[in-house]
């Protein structure tokens, strides 16, 4: 899946295609392409070592986290 950004050019909306994707598909200005448009929802991806650290922090500080969440 490719995520592009919409911007306004004149009276039109334009979707940018990342250079790496354009090169991989050998796309050039003026080429016709098909586009399946859906609004993207980007979510951060946690590094593999982060969830265990969060669990450890929770165990050490759960009362403090609960106090903060209650505010």
PDB file of N, CA and C in Angstrom:
ATOM      1  N   UNK A   1       0.838  -1.164   0.000  1.00  0.00           N
ATOM      2  CA  UNK A   1       0.000   0.000   0.000  1.00  0.00           C
ATOM      3  C   UNK A   1       0.894   1.242   0.000  1.00  0.00           C
ATOM      4  N   UNK A   2       0.509   2.206  -0.787  1.00  0.00           N
ATOM      5  CA  UNK A   2       1.230   3.467  -0.870  1.00  0.00           C
ATOM      6  C   UNK A   2       0.380   4.543  -0.208  1.00  0.00           C
ATOM      7  N   UNK A   3       1.002   5.350   0.600  1.00  0.00           N
ATOM      8  CA  UNK A   3       0.303   6.469   1.222  1.00  0.00           C
ATOM      9  C   UNK A   3       0.806   7.737   0.564  1.00  0.00           C
ATOM     10  N   UNK A   4      -0.106   8.492  -0.020  1.00  0.00           N
ATOM     11  CA  UNK A   4       0.242   9.752  -0.654  1.00  0.00           C
ATOM     12  C   UNK A   4      -0.423  10.893   0.083  1.00  0.00           C
ATOM     13  N   UNK A   5       0.044  12.087  -0.152  1.00  0.00           N
ATOM     14  CA  UNK A   5      -0.515  13.264   0.502  1.00  0.00           C
ATOM     15  C   UNK A   5      -1.254  14.096  -0.533  1.00  0.00           C
ATOM     16  N   UNK A   6      -2.435  14.592  -0.148  1.00  0.00           N
ATOM     17  CA  UNK A   6      -3.223  15.438  -1.046  1.00  0.00           C
ATOM     18  C   UNK A   6      -2.838  16.897  -0.817  1.00  0.00           C
ATOM     19  N   UNK A   7      -2.649  17.615  -1.918  1.00  0.00           N
ATOM     20  CA  UNK A   7      -2.400  19.057  -1.827  1.00  0.00           C
ATOM     21  C   UNK A   7      -3.168  19.743  -2.943  1.00  0.00           C
ATOM     22  N   UNK A   8      -3.359  21.023  -2.793  1.00  0.00           N
ATOM     23  CA  UNK A   8      -4.119  21.770  -3.779  1.00  0.00           C
ATOM     24  C   UNK A   8      -3.168  22.421  -4.773  1.00  0.00           C
ATOM     25  N   UNK A   9      -3.493  22.275  -6.059  1.00  0.00           N
ATOM     26  CA  UNK A   9      -2.748  22.927  -7.137  1.00  0.00           C
ATOM     27  C   UNK A   9      -3.790  23.581  -8.036  1.00  0.00           C
ATOM     28  N   UNK A  10      -3.840  24.894  -8.012  1.00  0.00           N
ATOM     29  CA  UNK A  10      -4.883  25.595  -8.755  1.00  0.00           C
ATOM     30  C   UNK A  10      -6.233  25.244  -8.183  1.00  0.00           C
ATOM     31  N   UNK A  11      -7.146  24.776  -9.029  1.00  0.00           N
ATOM     32  CA  UNK A  11      -8.470  24.359  -8.564  1.00  0.00           C
ATOM     33  C   UNK A  11      -8.586  22.857  -8.381  1.00  0.00           C
ATOM     34  N   UNK A  12      -7.459  22.147  -8.463  1.00  0.00           N
ATOM     35  CA  UNK A  12      -7.472  20.688  -8.376  1.00  0.00           C
ATOM     36  C   UNK A  12      -6.787  20.208  -7.104  1.00  0.00           C
ATOM     37  N   UNK A  13      -7.123  18.982  -6.705  1.00  0.00           N
ATOM     38  CA  UNK A  13      -6.405  18.303  -5.642  1.00  0.00           C
ATOM     39  C   UNK A  13      -5.466  17.301  -6.299  1.00  0.00           C
ATOM     40  N   UNK A  14      -4.236  17.244  -5.826  1.00  0.00           N
ATOM     41  CA  UNK A  14      -3.206  16.395  -6.408  1.00  0.00           C
ATOM     42  C   UNK A  14      -2.703  15.430  -5.343  1.00  0.00           C
ATOM     43  N   UNK A  15      -2.527  14.168  -5.707  1.00  0.00           N
ATOM     44  CA  UNK A  15      -1.966  13.165  -4.801  1.00  0.00           C
ATOM     45  C   UNK A  15      -0.511  12.951  -5.187  1.00  0.00           C
ATOM     46  N   UNK A  16       0.372  13.085  -4.223  1.00  0.00           N
ATOM     47  CA  UNK A  16       1.783  12.846  -4.504  1.00  0.00           C
ATOM     48  C   UNK A  16       2.095  11.360  -4.369  1.00  0.00           C
ATOM     49  N   UNK A  17       3.004  10.893  -5.187  1.00  0.00           N
ATOM     50  CA  UNK A  17       3.463   9.505  -5.144  1.00  0.00           C
ATOM     51  C   UNK A  17       4.918   9.532  -4.675  1.00  0.00           C
ATOM     52  N   UNK A  18       5.247   8.779  -3.630  1.00  0.00           N
ATOM     53  CA  UNK A  18       6.633   8.765  -3.163  1.00  0.00           C
ATOM     54  C   UNK A  18       7.601   8.368  -4.279  1.00  0.00           C
ATOM     55  N   UNK A  19       8.736   9.048  -4.338  1.00  0.00           N
ATOM     56  CA  UNK A  19       9.720   8.818  -5.398  1.00  0.00           C
ATOM     57  C   UNK A  19      10.108   7.346  -5.505  1.00  0.00           C
ATOM     58  N   UNK A  20      10.331   6.696  -4.349  1.00  0.00           N
ATOM     59  CA  UNK A  20      10.747   5.289  -4.375  1.00  0.00           C
ATOM     60  C   UNK A  20       9.711   4.411  -5.071  1.00  0.00           C
ATOM     61  N   UNK A  21       8.436   4.701  -4.813  1.00  0.00           N
ATOM     62  CA  UNK A  21       7.363   3.921  -5.438  1.00  0.00           C
ATOM     63  C   UNK A  21       7.299   4.201  -6.933  1.00  0.00           C
ATOM     64  N   UNK A  22       7.427   5.465  -7.312  1.00  0.00           N
ATOM     65  CA  UNK A  22       7.402   5.829  -8.731  1.00  0.00           C
ATOM     66  C   UNK A  22       8.549   5.157  -9.477  1.00  0.00           C
ATOM     67  N   UNK A  23       9.719   5.148  -8.860  1.00  0.00           N
ATOM     68  CA  UNK A  23      10.879   4.500  -9.500  1.00  0.00           C
ATOM     69  C   UNK A  23      10.669   2.997  -9.608  1.00  0.00           C
ATOM     70  N   UNK A  24      10.152   2.384  -8.549  1.00  0.00           N
ATOM     71  CA  UNK A  24       9.939   0.935  -8.561  1.00  0.00           C
ATOM     72  C   UNK A  24       8.950   0.524  -9.649  1.00  0.00           C
ATOM     73  N   UNK A  25       7.952   1.374  -9.897  1.00  0.00           N
ATOM     74  CA  UNK A  25       6.939   1.071 -10.915  1.00  0.00           C
ATOM     75  C   UNK A  25       7.264   1.694 -12.267  1.00  0.00           C
ATOM     76  N   UNK A  26       8.423   2.352 -12.349  1.00  0.00           N
ATOM     77  CA  UNK A  26       8.863   3.022 -13.577  1.00  0.00           C
ATOM     78  C   UNK A  26       7.799   3.990 -14.083  1.00  0.00           C
ATOM     79  N   UNK A  27       7.272   4.809 -13.162  1.00  0.00           N
ATOM     80  CA  UNK A  27       6.261   5.802 -13.523  1.00  0.00           C
ATOM     81  C   UNK A  27       6.935   7.083 -13.980  1.00  0.00           C
ATOM     82  N   UNK A  28       6.306   7.744 -14.952  1.00  0.00           N
ATOM     83  CA  UNK A  28       6.835   9.004 -15.479  1.00  0.00           C
ATOM     84  C   UNK A  28       5.693   9.997 -15.613  1.00  0.00           C
ATOM     85  N   UNK A  29       6.025  11.275 -15.618  1.00  0.00           N
ATOM     86  CA  UNK A  29       5.012  12.318 -15.768  1.00  0.00           C
ATOM     87  C   UNK A  29       4.180  12.034 -17.010  1.00  0.00           C
ATOM     88  N   UNK A  30       2.876  12.102 -16.866  1.00  0.00           N
ATOM     89  CA  UNK A  30       1.965  11.858 -17.979  1.00  0.00           C
ATOM     90  C   UNK A  30       1.452  10.439 -18.064  1.00  0.00           C
ATOM     91  N   UNK A  31       2.076   9.490 -17.332  1.00  0.00           N
ATOM     92  CA  UNK A  31       1.586   8.108 -17.327  1.00  0.00           C
ATOM     93  C   UNK A  31       0.191   8.053 -16.723  1.00  0.00           C
ATOM     94  N   UNK A  32      -0.643   7.157 -17.229  1.00  0.00           N
ATOM     95  CA  UNK A  32      -1.944   6.902 -16.638  1.00  0.00           C
ATOM     96  C   UNK A  32      -1.795   5.805 -15.595  1.00  0.00           C
ATOM     97  N   UNK A  33      -2.436   5.985 -14.448  1.00  0.00           N
ATOM     98  CA  UNK A  33      -2.384   4.986 -13.377  1.00  0.00           C
ATOM     99  C   UNK A  33      -3.794   4.800 -12.832  1.00  0.00           C
ATOM    100  N   UNK A  34      -4.014   3.677 -12.163  1.00  0.00           N
ATOM    101  CA  UNK A  34      -5.271   3.474 -11.450  1.00  0.00           C
ATOM    102  C   UNK A  34      -5.017   3.778  -9.976  1.00  0.00           C
ATOM    103  N   UNK A  35      -6.044   4.315  -9.338  1.00  0.00           N
ATOM    104  CA  UNK A  35      -5.906   4.700  -7.932  1.00  0.00           C
ATOM    105  C   UNK A  35      -7.142   4.228  -7.182  1.00  0.00           C
ATOM    106  N   UNK A  36      -6.938   3.526  -6.088  1.00  0.00           N
ATOM    107  CA  UNK A  36      -8.023   3.122  -5.194  1.00  0.00           C
ATOM    108  C   UNK A  36      -7.923   4.050  -3.989  1.00  0.00           C
ATOM    109  N   UNK A  37      -8.825   5.000  -3.876  1.00  0.00           N
ATOM    110  CA  UNK A  37      -8.694   6.047  -2.872  1.00  0.00           C
ATOM    111  C   UNK A  37      -9.515   5.713  -1.630  1.00  0.00           C
ATOM    112  N   UNK A  38      -8.850   5.748  -0.493  1.00  0.00           N
ATOM    113  CA  UNK A  38      -9.466   5.613   0.830  1.00  0.00           C
ATOM    114  C   UNK A  38      -8.722   6.533   1.766  1.00  0.00           C
ATOM    115  N   UNK A  39      -9.426   7.099   2.721  1.00  0.00           N
ATOM    116  CA  UNK A  39      -8.758   7.932   3.706  1.00  0.00           C
ATOM    117  C   UNK A  39      -7.886   7.034   4.577  1.00  0.00           C
ATOM    118  N   UNK A  40      -6.631   7.400   4.728  1.00  0.00           N
ATOM    119  CA  UNK A  40      -5.681   6.591   5.498  1.00  0.00           C
ATOM    120  C   UNK A  40      -5.738   6.942   6.972  1.00  0.00           C
ATOM    121  N   UNK A  41      -5.565   5.938   7.786  1.00  0.00           N
ATOM    122  CA  UNK A  41      -5.440   6.135   9.217  1.00  0.00           C
ATOM    123  C   UNK A  41      -4.087   5.552   9.606  1.00  0.00           C
ATOM    124  N   UNK A  42      -3.172   6.424   9.924  1.00  0.00           N
ATOM    125  CA  UNK A  42      -1.840   5.975  10.289  1.00  0.00           C
ATOM    126  C   UNK A  42      -1.748   5.792  11.793  1.00  0.00           C
ATOM    127  N   UNK A  43      -1.173   4.688  12.186  1.00  0.00           N
ATOM    128  CA  UNK A  43      -0.982   4.404  13.608  1.00  0.00           C
ATOM    129  C   UNK A  43       0.492   4.142  13.853  1.00  0.00           C
ATOM    130  N   UNK A  44       1.001   4.631  14.954  1.00  0.00           N
ATOM    131  CA  UNK A  44       2.415   4.384  15.240  1.00  0.00           C
ATOM    132  C   UNK A  44       2.664   2.899  15.500  1.00  0.00           C
ATOM    133  N   UNK A  45       3.816   2.439  15.102  1.00  0.00           N
ATOM    134  CA  UNK A  45       4.217   1.057  15.339  1.00  0.00           C
ATOM    135  C   UNK A  45       5.277   1.073  16.427  1.00  0.00           C
ATOM    136  N   UNK A  46       5.033   0.315  17.484  1.00  0.00           N
ATOM    137  CA  UNK A  46       5.983   0.274  18.587  1.00  0.00           C
ATOM    138  C   UNK A  46       7.185  -0.597  18.250  1.00  0.00           C
ATOM    139  N   UNK A  47       8.349  -0.149  18.678  1.00  0.00           N
ATOM    140  CA  UNK A  47       9.539  -0.976  18.510  1.00  0.00           C
ATOM    141  C   UNK A  47       9.358  -2.257  19.316  1.00  0.00           C
ATOM    142  N   UNK A  48       9.932  -3.374  18.881  1.00  0.00           N
ATOM    143  CA  UNK A  48       9.717  -4.653  19.563  1.00  0.00           C
ATOM    144  C   UNK A  48      10.054  -4.633  21.057  1.00  0.00           C
ATOM    145  N   UNK A  49      11.078  -3.909  21.471  1.00  0.00           N
ATOM    146  CA  UNK A  49      11.470  -3.919  22.880  1.00  0.00           C
ATOM    147  C   UNK A  49      10.635  -3.017  23.762  1.00  0.00           C
ATOM    148  N   UNK A  50       9.764  -2.197  23.197  1.00  0.00           N
ATOM    149  CA  UNK A  50       9.022  -1.227  23.987  1.00  0.00           C
ATOM    150  C   UNK A  50       7.896  -1.823  24.836  1.00  0.00           C
ATOM    151  N   UNK A  51       7.068  -2.751  24.331  1.00  0.00           N
ATOM    152  CA  UNK A  51       6.001  -3.302  25.181  1.00  0.00           C
ATOM    153  C   UNK A  51       6.501  -3.921  26.489  1.00  0.00           C
ATOM    154  N   UNK A  52       7.590  -4.698  26.487  1.00  0.00           N
ATOM    155  CA  UNK A  52       8.064  -5.223  27.778  1.00  0.00           C
ATOM    156  C   UNK A  52       8.494  -4.112  28.735  1.00  0.00           C
ATOM    157  N   UNK A  53       9.082  -3.039  28.217  1.00  0.00           N
ATOM    158  CA  UNK A  53       9.465  -1.924  29.073  1.00  0.00           C
ATOM    159  C   UNK A  53       8.237  -1.239  29.656  1.00  0.00           C
ATOM    160  N   UNK A  54       7.182  -1.101  28.843  1.00  0.00           N
ATOM    161  CA  UNK A  54       5.947  -0.495  29.326  1.00  0.00           C
ATOM    162  C   UNK A  54       5.315  -1.359  30.415  1.00  0.00           C
ATOM    163  N   UNK A  55       5.321  -2.665  30.230  1.00  0.00           N
ATOM    164  CA  UNK A  55       4.779  -3.576  31.248  1.00  0.00           C
ATOM    165  C   UNK A  55       5.559  -3.456  32.553  1.00  0.00           C
ATOM    166  N   UNK A  56       6.869  -3.397  32.442  1.00  0.00           N
ATOM    167  CA  UNK A  56       7.724  -3.259  33.622  1.00  0.00           C
ATOM    168  C   UNK A  56       7.432  -1.935  34.337  1.00  0.00           C
ATOM    169  N   UNK A  57       7.299  -0.871  33.567  1.00  0.00           N
ATOM    170  CA  UNK A  57       6.993   0.435  34.146  1.00  0.00           C
ATOM    171  C   UNK A  57       5.625   0.408  34.828  1.00  0.00           C
ATOM    172  N   UNK A  58       4.653  -0.254  34.201  1.00  0.00           N
ATOM    173  CA  UNK A  58       3.324  -0.359  34.791  1.00  0.00           C
ATOM    174  C   UNK A  58       3.398  -1.055  36.154  1.00  0.00           C
ATOM    175  N   UNK A  59       4.123  -2.164  36.212  1.00  0.00           N
ATOM    176  CA  UNK A  59       4.225  -2.918  37.466  1.00  0.00           C
ATOM    177  C   UNK A  59       4.870  -2.077  38.572  1.00  0.00           C
ATOM    178  N   UNK A  60       5.871  -1.279  38.220  1.00  0.00           N
ATOM    179  CA  UNK A  60       6.556  -0.454  39.217  1.00  0.00           C
ATOM    180  C   UNK A  60       5.721   0.752  39.640  1.00  0.00           C
ATOM    181  N   UNK A  61       4.885   1.277  38.725  1.00  0.00           N
ATOM    182  CA  UNK A  61       4.240   2.570  38.970  1.00  0.00           C
ATOM    183  C   UNK A  61       2.721   2.558  38.819  1.00  0.00           C
ATOM    184  N   UNK A  62       2.089   1.394  38.896  1.00  0.00           N
ATOM    185  CA  UNK A  62       0.653   1.323  38.576  1.00  0.00           C
ATOM    186  C   UNK A  62      -0.201   2.233  39.450  1.00  0.00           C
ATOM    187  N   UNK A  63       0.130   2.402  40.706  1.00  0.00           N
ATOM    188  CA  UNK A  63      -0.674   3.282  41.566  1.00  0.00           C
ATOM    189  C   UNK A  63      -0.593   4.724  41.069  1.00  0.00           C
ATOM    190  N   UNK A  64       0.589   5.161  40.693  1.00  0.00           N
ATOM    191  CA  UNK A  64       0.759   6.514  40.169  1.00  0.00           C
ATOM    192  C   UNK A  64       0.016   6.703  38.851  1.00  0.00           C
ATOM    193  N   UNK A  65       0.081   5.707  37.962  1.00  0.00           N
ATOM    194  CA  UNK A  65      -0.643   5.792  36.686  1.00  0.00           C
ATOM    195  C   UNK A  65      -2.151   5.850  36.928  1.00  0.00           C
ATOM    196  N   UNK A  66      -2.639   5.047  37.874  1.00  0.00           N
ATOM    197  CA  UNK A  66      -4.072   5.054  38.184  1.00  0.00           C
ATOM    198  C   UNK A  66      -4.488   6.412  38.749  1.00  0.00           C
ATOM    199  N   UNK A  67      -3.631   6.983  39.594  1.00  0.00           N
ATOM    200  CA  UNK A  67      -3.913   8.305  40.145  1.00  0.00           C
ATOM    201  C   UNK A  67      -4.008   9.335  39.028  1.00  0.00           C
ATOM    202  N   UNK A  68      -3.047   9.321  38.103  1.00  0.00           N
ATOM    203  CA  UNK A  68      -3.045  10.285  36.988  1.00  0.00           C
ATOM    204  C   UNK A  68      -4.256  10.079  36.073  1.00  0.00           C
ATOM    205  N   UNK A  69      -4.640   8.829  35.846  1.00  0.00           N
ATOM    206  CA  UNK A  69      -5.773   8.553  34.960  1.00  0.00           C
ATOM    207  C   UNK A  69      -7.091   9.019  35.579  1.00  0.00           C
ATOM    208  N   UNK A  70      -7.151   9.104  36.898  1.00  0.00           N
ATOM    209  CA  UNK A  70      -8.364   9.518  37.578  1.00  0.00           C
ATOM    210  C   UNK A  70      -8.597  11.014  37.545  1.00  0.00           C
ATOM    211  N   UNK A  71      -7.623  11.767  37.104  1.00  0.00           N
ATOM    212  CA  UNK A  71      -7.753  13.239  37.075  1.00  0.00           C
ATOM    213  C   UNK A  71      -8.553  13.682  35.885  1.00  0.00           C
TER     214      UNK A  71
END
